[in-house]
């Protein structure tokens, strides 16, 4: 790699954090923050990668045979709303408009494109597709900068 400086550019964690937060191609999740050994593929949006009809034995096969349980959480990428400038803390509670705790911040970083902090958030999955209004958060829209 070092003999190809035009192809490899060393970078630190801060740059990697910014890249993964601003990435629009995939949800660039980190282990063990955004996903861990107890997280299912369905919960992190990767359920499509596994064929439940596969006959070979593999890790997690039994869990796929129990779809009735469904996902317990959903992972969403959200931007800090309003004039908050402080970085959300990992584990910080995420509340709905009525003040009920609906989830927590799993990881976060600063988005220079949006000019605000953006976080991956674990939200309790109630099976509803209805939009959820969260206090202090808005959906992340790449390229849309904070007002002000």
N, C-alpha and C. Protein backbone atom coordinates (compact mmCIF):
# COMPACT_ATOMS: atom_id res chain seq x y z
N UNK A 1 0.81 -1.20 0.00
CA UNK A 1 0.00 0.00 0.00
C UNK A 1 0.85 1.26 0.00
N UNK A 2 1.94 1.22 0.71
CA UNK A 2 2.75 2.43 0.81
C UNK A 2 3.43 2.79 -0.50
N UNK A 3 3.55 1.83 -1.41
CA UNK A 3 4.16 2.14 -2.69
C UNK A 3 3.13 2.68 -3.69
N UNK A 4 1.87 2.88 -3.24
CA UNK A 4 0.82 3.45 -4.08
C UNK A 4 0.20 4.66 -3.39
N UNK A 5 0.96 5.72 -3.12
CA UNK A 5 0.43 6.85 -2.37
C UNK A 5 -0.73 7.55 -3.08
N UNK A 6 -0.83 7.40 -4.39
CA UNK A 6 -1.93 8.03 -5.10
C UNK A 6 -3.25 7.27 -4.91
N UNK A 7 -3.21 6.07 -4.38
CA UNK A 7 -4.42 5.26 -4.19
C UNK A 7 -4.81 5.11 -2.73
N UNK A 8 -3.87 5.29 -1.85
CA UNK A 8 -4.14 5.10 -0.43
C UNK A 8 -3.80 6.38 0.32
N UNK A 9 -4.76 6.85 1.08
CA UNK A 9 -4.55 8.06 1.86
C UNK A 9 -4.86 7.73 3.32
N UNK A 10 -3.85 7.73 4.18
CA UNK A 10 -4.12 7.44 5.58
C UNK A 10 -5.03 8.51 6.18
N UNK A 11 -5.90 8.09 7.05
CA UNK A 11 -6.79 9.04 7.71
C UNK A 11 -7.04 8.57 9.14
N UNK A 12 -7.56 9.46 9.95
CA UNK A 12 -7.84 9.13 11.34
C UNK A 12 -9.30 8.80 11.55
N UNK A 13 -9.64 8.50 12.80
CA UNK A 13 -11.01 8.13 13.14
C UNK A 13 -12.00 9.25 12.87
N UNK A 14 -11.58 10.50 13.06
CA UNK A 14 -12.51 11.61 12.84
C UNK A 14 -12.97 11.66 11.39
N UNK A 15 -12.04 11.47 10.46
CA UNK A 15 -12.41 11.47 9.05
C UNK A 15 -13.30 10.28 8.72
N UNK A 16 -12.96 9.12 9.26
CA UNK A 16 -13.78 7.94 9.03
C UNK A 16 -15.19 8.16 9.59
N UNK A 17 -15.29 8.77 10.76
CA UNK A 17 -16.59 9.06 11.36
C UNK A 17 -17.41 9.97 10.46
N UNK A 18 -16.77 11.03 9.95
CA UNK A 18 -17.47 11.95 9.05
C UNK A 18 -17.94 11.22 7.80
N UNK A 19 -17.07 10.40 7.22
CA UNK A 19 -17.44 9.68 6.00
C UNK A 19 -18.62 8.75 6.25
N UNK A 20 -18.56 7.98 7.33
CA UNK A 20 -19.63 7.01 7.56
C UNK A 20 -20.95 7.70 7.91
N UNK A 21 -20.88 8.84 8.57
CA UNK A 21 -22.09 9.58 8.91
C UNK A 21 -22.71 10.20 7.66
N UNK A 22 -21.88 10.69 6.75
CA UNK A 22 -22.40 11.34 5.54
C UNK A 22 -22.67 10.37 4.40
N UNK A 23 -22.25 9.13 4.52
CA UNK A 23 -22.42 8.13 3.46
C UNK A 23 -23.90 7.93 3.15
N UNK A 24 -24.26 8.03 1.88
CA UNK A 24 -25.65 7.83 1.48
C UNK A 24 -25.87 6.50 0.77
N UNK A 25 -24.80 5.80 0.45
CA UNK A 25 -24.93 4.54 -0.27
C UNK A 25 -25.37 3.40 0.64
N UNK A 26 -24.87 3.39 1.86
CA UNK A 26 -25.21 2.34 2.83
C UNK A 26 -25.27 2.97 4.21
N UNK A 27 -25.89 2.26 5.14
CA UNK A 27 -25.77 2.65 6.55
C UNK A 27 -24.46 2.06 7.03
N UNK A 28 -23.46 2.90 7.19
CA UNK A 28 -22.09 2.50 7.53
C UNK A 28 -22.04 2.36 9.05
N UNK A 29 -22.49 1.22 9.56
CA UNK A 29 -22.60 0.99 11.00
C UNK A 29 -21.31 0.43 11.57
N UNK A 30 -21.06 0.74 12.84
CA UNK A 30 -19.87 0.25 13.54
C UNK A 30 -20.25 -0.82 14.55
N UNK A 31 -19.42 -1.84 14.64
CA UNK A 31 -19.55 -2.87 15.66
C UNK A 31 -18.60 -2.49 16.79
N UNK A 32 -18.95 -2.48 18.01
CA UNK A 32 -20.17 -2.93 18.65
C UNK A 32 -21.14 -1.80 18.99
N UNK A 33 -20.95 -0.60 18.45
CA UNK A 33 -21.81 0.53 18.80
C UNK A 33 -23.19 0.43 18.17
N UNK A 34 -23.25 0.36 16.85
CA UNK A 34 -24.52 0.38 16.14
C UNK A 34 -25.13 -1.00 15.98
N UNK A 35 -24.28 -2.01 16.03
CA UNK A 35 -24.74 -3.39 15.94
C UNK A 35 -23.82 -4.23 16.81
N UNK A 36 -24.38 -5.32 17.35
CA UNK A 36 -23.57 -6.20 18.19
C UNK A 36 -24.04 -7.64 17.99
N UNK A 37 -23.54 -8.54 18.79
CA UNK A 37 -23.89 -9.95 18.60
C UNK A 37 -25.35 -10.24 18.89
N UNK A 38 -26.04 -9.35 19.55
CA UNK A 38 -27.46 -9.54 19.81
C UNK A 38 -28.36 -8.86 18.80
N UNK A 39 -27.79 -8.17 17.84
CA UNK A 39 -28.56 -7.45 16.82
C UNK A 39 -28.82 -8.37 15.64
N UNK A 40 -30.06 -8.37 15.16
CA UNK A 40 -30.38 -9.19 13.99
C UNK A 40 -30.17 -8.39 12.71
N UNK A 41 -30.01 -9.10 11.61
CA UNK A 41 -29.86 -8.43 10.32
C UNK A 41 -31.08 -7.60 9.97
N UNK A 42 -32.27 -8.08 10.32
CA UNK A 42 -33.49 -7.33 10.04
C UNK A 42 -33.49 -5.99 10.77
N UNK A 43 -32.96 -5.96 11.98
CA UNK A 43 -32.96 -4.74 12.77
C UNK A 43 -32.05 -3.66 12.21
N UNK A 44 -31.03 -4.06 11.47
CA UNK A 44 -30.12 -3.06 10.90
C UNK A 44 -30.32 -2.92 9.39
N UNK A 45 -31.47 -3.39 8.90
CA UNK A 45 -31.82 -3.20 7.50
C UNK A 45 -31.11 -4.12 6.52
N UNK A 46 -30.58 -5.24 7.00
CA UNK A 46 -29.85 -6.15 6.12
C UNK A 46 -30.52 -7.53 6.02
N UNK A 47 -31.78 -7.62 6.38
CA UNK A 47 -32.49 -8.89 6.31
C UNK A 47 -32.55 -9.47 4.91
N UNK A 48 -32.48 -8.62 3.92
CA UNK A 48 -32.53 -9.07 2.52
C UNK A 48 -31.31 -9.91 2.13
N UNK A 49 -30.25 -9.86 2.93
CA UNK A 49 -29.02 -10.57 2.58
C UNK A 49 -29.06 -12.06 2.91
N UNK A 50 -30.09 -12.50 3.62
CA UNK A 50 -30.14 -13.88 4.07
C UNK A 50 -31.35 -14.58 3.45
N UNK A 51 -31.14 -15.78 2.93
CA UNK A 51 -32.21 -16.58 2.36
C UNK A 51 -32.72 -17.55 3.43
N UNK A 52 -33.93 -17.31 3.97
CA UNK A 52 -34.43 -18.20 5.02
C UNK A 52 -34.73 -19.61 4.51
N UNK A 53 -34.77 -19.79 3.20
CA UNK A 53 -35.03 -21.11 2.62
C UNK A 53 -33.76 -21.94 2.46
N UNK A 54 -32.60 -21.33 2.73
CA UNK A 54 -31.33 -22.04 2.59
C UNK A 54 -31.33 -23.27 3.50
N UNK A 55 -30.92 -24.41 2.96
CA UNK A 55 -30.99 -25.66 3.72
C UNK A 55 -29.72 -25.95 4.52
N UNK A 56 -28.61 -25.37 4.16
CA UNK A 56 -27.36 -25.61 4.89
C UNK A 56 -27.46 -25.02 6.30
N UNK A 57 -26.68 -25.58 7.22
CA UNK A 57 -26.66 -25.08 8.59
C UNK A 57 -25.73 -23.87 8.67
N UNK A 58 -26.16 -22.81 9.35
CA UNK A 58 -25.35 -21.61 9.51
C UNK A 58 -25.76 -20.89 10.79
N UNK A 59 -24.88 -20.05 11.29
CA UNK A 59 -25.14 -19.31 12.52
C UNK A 59 -26.34 -18.38 12.30
N UNK A 60 -27.30 -18.41 13.19
CA UNK A 60 -28.47 -17.55 13.11
C UNK A 60 -29.66 -18.17 12.40
N UNK A 61 -29.52 -19.37 11.91
CA UNK A 61 -30.59 -20.02 11.16
C UNK A 61 -31.87 -20.13 11.99
N UNK A 62 -31.74 -20.53 13.24
CA UNK A 62 -32.92 -20.69 14.10
C UNK A 62 -33.63 -19.36 14.33
N UNK A 63 -32.88 -18.30 14.47
CA UNK A 63 -33.49 -16.99 14.68
C UNK A 63 -34.34 -16.57 13.48
N UNK A 64 -33.91 -16.94 12.29
CA UNK A 64 -34.68 -16.60 11.09
C UNK A 64 -35.97 -17.40 10.99
N UNK A 65 -36.04 -18.51 11.67
CA UNK A 65 -37.25 -19.33 11.64
C UNK A 65 -38.31 -18.81 12.60
N UNK A 66 -38.00 -17.77 13.34
CA UNK A 66 -38.94 -17.20 14.30
C UNK A 66 -39.30 -15.78 13.90
N UNK A 67 -39.90 -15.60 12.71
CA UNK A 67 -40.20 -14.24 12.25
C UNK A 67 -41.30 -13.55 13.05
N UNK A 68 -42.09 -14.33 13.81
CA UNK A 68 -43.17 -13.73 14.57
C UNK A 68 -42.66 -12.71 15.58
N UNK A 69 -41.47 -12.94 16.09
CA UNK A 69 -40.91 -12.00 17.06
C UNK A 69 -40.66 -10.65 16.42
N UNK A 70 -40.22 -10.65 15.17
CA UNK A 70 -39.96 -9.41 14.44
C UNK A 70 -38.82 -8.61 15.04
N UNK A 71 -38.44 -7.54 14.37
CA UNK A 71 -37.36 -6.70 14.89
C UNK A 71 -37.77 -6.01 16.19
N UNK A 72 -36.84 -5.91 17.11
CA UNK A 72 -37.09 -5.20 18.36
C UNK A 72 -36.75 -3.73 18.22
N UNK A 73 -35.82 -3.45 17.33
CA UNK A 73 -35.36 -2.07 17.13
C UNK A 73 -35.27 -1.78 15.64
N UNK A 74 -35.15 -0.53 15.33
CA UNK A 74 -34.80 -0.11 13.99
C UNK A 74 -33.69 0.92 14.14
N UNK A 75 -32.74 0.93 13.23
CA UNK A 75 -31.64 1.88 13.29
C UNK A 75 -31.91 2.97 12.25
N UNK A 76 -31.91 4.22 12.70
CA UNK A 76 -32.15 5.34 11.79
C UNK A 76 -31.02 6.35 11.92
N UNK A 77 -30.75 7.05 10.84
CA UNK A 77 -29.76 8.12 10.84
C UNK A 77 -30.53 9.44 10.96
N UNK A 78 -30.25 10.18 12.04
CA UNK A 78 -30.96 11.42 12.31
C UNK A 78 -29.99 12.56 12.52
N UNK A 79 -30.43 13.76 12.18
CA UNK A 79 -29.63 14.96 12.39
C UNK A 79 -30.19 15.73 13.58
N UNK A 80 -29.30 16.38 14.31
CA UNK A 80 -29.70 17.23 15.42
C UNK A 80 -30.50 18.40 14.86
N UNK A 81 -31.62 18.70 15.47
CA UNK A 81 -32.47 19.80 15.01
C UNK A 81 -32.22 21.06 15.83
N UNK A 82 -32.64 22.17 15.29
CA UNK A 82 -32.56 23.44 16.01
C UNK A 82 -31.15 23.97 16.12
N UNK A 83 -30.90 24.70 17.21
CA UNK A 83 -29.61 25.37 17.37
C UNK A 83 -28.66 24.63 18.31
N UNK A 84 -28.92 23.38 18.58
CA UNK A 84 -28.03 22.60 19.44
C UNK A 84 -26.67 22.44 18.76
N UNK A 85 -25.61 22.73 19.48
CA UNK A 85 -24.27 22.60 18.92
C UNK A 85 -23.46 21.51 19.61
N UNK A 86 -23.95 21.01 20.73
CA UNK A 86 -23.19 19.98 21.44
C UNK A 86 -23.37 18.62 20.76
N UNK A 87 -22.34 17.81 20.86
CA UNK A 87 -22.36 16.47 20.26
C UNK A 87 -23.23 15.55 21.11
N UNK A 88 -24.18 14.84 20.51
CA UNK A 88 -24.96 13.87 21.27
C UNK A 88 -24.04 12.79 21.85
N UNK A 89 -24.33 12.37 23.06
CA UNK A 89 -23.53 11.34 23.70
C UNK A 89 -24.05 9.96 23.36
N UNK A 90 -23.14 9.01 23.23
CA UNK A 90 -23.55 7.62 23.01
C UNK A 90 -24.36 7.18 24.22
N UNK A 91 -25.51 6.60 23.98
CA UNK A 91 -26.41 6.18 25.05
C UNK A 91 -27.44 7.23 25.42
N UNK A 92 -27.31 8.44 24.88
CA UNK A 92 -28.26 9.51 25.18
C UNK A 92 -29.67 9.11 24.75
N UNK A 93 -30.65 9.37 25.61
CA UNK A 93 -32.03 9.02 25.30
C UNK A 93 -32.58 9.87 24.17
N UNK A 94 -33.42 9.27 23.35
CA UNK A 94 -34.13 9.96 22.28
C UNK A 94 -35.61 9.90 22.63
N UNK A 95 -36.24 11.08 22.73
CA UNK A 95 -37.63 11.16 23.17
C UNK A 95 -38.54 11.57 22.03
N UNK A 96 -39.81 11.14 22.14
CA UNK A 96 -40.79 11.59 21.16
C UNK A 96 -41.33 12.94 21.61
N UNK A 97 -42.27 13.49 20.86
CA UNK A 97 -42.81 14.82 21.15
C UNK A 97 -43.50 14.88 22.51
N UNK A 98 -43.96 13.73 23.02
CA UNK A 98 -44.63 13.69 24.32
C UNK A 98 -43.67 13.44 25.48
N UNK A 99 -42.37 13.34 25.19
CA UNK A 99 -41.38 13.14 26.23
C UNK A 99 -41.10 11.68 26.58
N UNK A 100 -41.74 10.74 25.88
CA UNK A 100 -41.48 9.32 26.13
C UNK A 100 -40.17 8.91 25.47
N UNK A 101 -39.37 8.13 26.18
CA UNK A 101 -38.11 7.64 25.61
C UNK A 101 -38.43 6.58 24.57
N UNK A 102 -37.95 6.81 23.34
CA UNK A 102 -38.22 5.90 22.23
C UNK A 102 -36.98 5.15 21.78
N UNK A 103 -35.80 5.56 22.26
CA UNK A 103 -34.58 4.89 21.85
C UNK A 103 -33.36 5.60 22.42
N UNK A 104 -32.20 5.35 21.79
CA UNK A 104 -30.96 5.96 22.26
C UNK A 104 -29.97 6.12 21.11
N UNK A 105 -29.03 7.03 21.31
CA UNK A 105 -27.96 7.27 20.34
C UNK A 105 -26.96 6.13 20.44
N UNK A 106 -26.64 5.52 19.29
CA UNK A 106 -25.64 4.44 19.31
C UNK A 106 -24.27 4.94 18.87
N UNK A 107 -24.22 5.90 17.97
CA UNK A 107 -22.96 6.55 17.58
C UNK A 107 -23.29 7.85 16.87
N UNK A 108 -22.32 8.73 16.80
CA UNK A 108 -22.58 10.02 16.15
C UNK A 108 -21.28 10.62 15.64
N UNK A 109 -21.45 11.62 14.81
CA UNK A 109 -20.31 12.34 14.25
C UNK A 109 -20.79 13.66 13.70
N UNK A 110 -19.85 14.48 13.30
CA UNK A 110 -20.21 15.78 12.74
C UNK A 110 -20.26 15.69 11.23
N UNK A 111 -21.35 16.18 10.65
CA UNK A 111 -21.49 16.22 9.20
C UNK A 111 -21.19 17.63 8.72
N UNK A 112 -20.11 17.76 7.97
CA UNK A 112 -19.77 19.07 7.41
C UNK A 112 -20.73 19.45 6.30
N UNK A 113 -21.28 18.45 5.62
CA UNK A 113 -22.24 18.72 4.55
C UNK A 113 -23.54 19.29 5.10
N UNK A 114 -23.96 18.80 6.26
CA UNK A 114 -25.21 19.27 6.86
C UNK A 114 -24.96 20.36 7.91
N UNK A 115 -23.69 20.58 8.27
CA UNK A 115 -23.31 21.58 9.27
C UNK A 115 -23.99 21.33 10.62
N UNK A 116 -24.05 20.08 10.99
CA UNK A 116 -24.63 19.71 12.29
C UNK A 116 -24.22 18.29 12.64
N UNK A 117 -24.45 17.91 13.86
CA UNK A 117 -24.17 16.53 14.28
C UNK A 117 -25.25 15.60 13.74
N UNK A 118 -24.82 14.42 13.36
CA UNK A 118 -25.71 13.38 12.85
C UNK A 118 -25.41 12.11 13.65
N UNK A 119 -26.45 11.35 13.95
CA UNK A 119 -26.26 10.15 14.77
C UNK A 119 -27.02 8.96 14.21
N UNK A 120 -26.48 7.78 14.48
CA UNK A 120 -27.26 6.57 14.30
C UNK A 120 -27.99 6.36 15.61
N UNK A 121 -29.29 6.11 15.51
CA UNK A 121 -30.15 6.02 16.68
C UNK A 121 -30.90 4.69 16.65
N UNK A 122 -30.89 3.98 17.77
CA UNK A 122 -31.71 2.77 17.92
C UNK A 122 -33.07 3.20 18.44
N UNK A 123 -34.12 2.90 17.69
CA UNK A 123 -35.47 3.23 18.12
C UNK A 123 -36.25 1.94 18.33
N UNK A 124 -37.11 1.93 19.35
CA UNK A 124 -37.98 0.78 19.56
C UNK A 124 -38.86 0.62 18.34
N UNK A 125 -38.96 -0.60 17.81
CA UNK A 125 -39.76 -0.86 16.61
C UNK A 125 -41.14 -1.34 17.04
N UNK A 126 -42.15 -0.48 16.82
CA UNK A 126 -43.51 -0.86 17.18
C UNK A 126 -44.27 -1.46 16.00
N UNK A 127 -43.58 -1.66 14.88
CA UNK A 127 -44.20 -2.26 13.70
C UNK A 127 -44.98 -1.27 12.85
N UNK A 128 -45.03 -0.03 13.27
CA UNK A 128 -45.78 0.99 12.53
C UNK A 128 -44.88 1.69 11.52
N UNK A 129 -45.46 2.05 10.39
CA UNK A 129 -44.74 2.83 9.39
C UNK A 129 -45.03 4.32 9.54
N UNK A 130 -45.82 4.67 10.54
CA UNK A 130 -46.19 6.07 10.75
C UNK A 130 -44.95 6.88 11.11
N UNK A 131 -44.87 8.11 10.60
CA UNK A 131 -43.72 8.95 10.95
C UNK A 131 -43.69 9.21 12.45
N UNK A 132 -42.51 9.25 12.99
CA UNK A 132 -42.33 9.46 14.42
C UNK A 132 -41.69 10.81 14.64
N UNK A 133 -42.36 11.68 15.38
CA UNK A 133 -41.80 13.00 15.66
C UNK A 133 -40.95 12.89 16.92
N UNK A 134 -39.66 13.20 16.76
CA UNK A 134 -38.73 13.07 17.87
C UNK A 134 -38.25 14.45 18.31
N UNK A 135 -38.25 14.67 19.61
CA UNK A 135 -37.85 15.96 20.17
C UNK A 135 -36.36 16.20 19.96
N UNK A 136 -36.01 17.27 19.23
CA UNK A 136 -34.61 17.65 19.04
C UNK A 136 -33.91 16.97 17.88
N UNK A 137 -34.65 16.20 17.07
CA UNK A 137 -34.06 15.47 15.96
C UNK A 137 -34.86 15.68 14.68
N UNK A 138 -34.20 15.57 13.56
CA UNK A 138 -34.85 15.63 12.26
C UNK A 138 -34.22 14.58 11.35
N UNK A 139 -34.88 14.25 10.27
CA UNK A 139 -34.29 13.26 9.37
C UNK A 139 -33.04 13.84 8.72
N UNK A 140 -32.06 12.99 8.49
CA UNK A 140 -30.80 13.43 7.86
C UNK A 140 -31.01 13.53 6.37
N UNK A 141 -30.74 14.72 5.84
CA UNK A 141 -30.85 14.95 4.40
C UNK A 141 -29.50 15.44 3.92
N UNK A 142 -28.75 14.58 3.23
CA UNK A 142 -27.41 14.96 2.77
C UNK A 142 -27.46 16.22 1.92
N UNK A 143 -26.54 17.11 2.17
CA UNK A 143 -26.45 18.33 1.38
C UNK A 143 -27.36 19.45 1.85
N UNK A 144 -28.25 19.18 2.82
CA UNK A 144 -29.12 20.21 3.36
C UNK A 144 -28.46 20.74 4.62
N UNK A 145 -27.99 21.98 4.54
CA UNK A 145 -27.25 22.56 5.66
C UNK A 145 -28.20 23.16 6.69
N UNK A 146 -27.72 23.24 7.90
CA UNK A 146 -28.49 23.82 8.99
C UNK A 146 -28.77 25.28 8.69
N UNK A 147 -29.94 25.74 9.06
CA UNK A 147 -30.30 27.14 8.86
C UNK A 147 -29.51 28.00 9.83
N UNK A 148 -29.23 29.21 9.39
CA UNK A 148 -28.56 30.11 10.33
C UNK A 148 -27.39 30.80 9.82
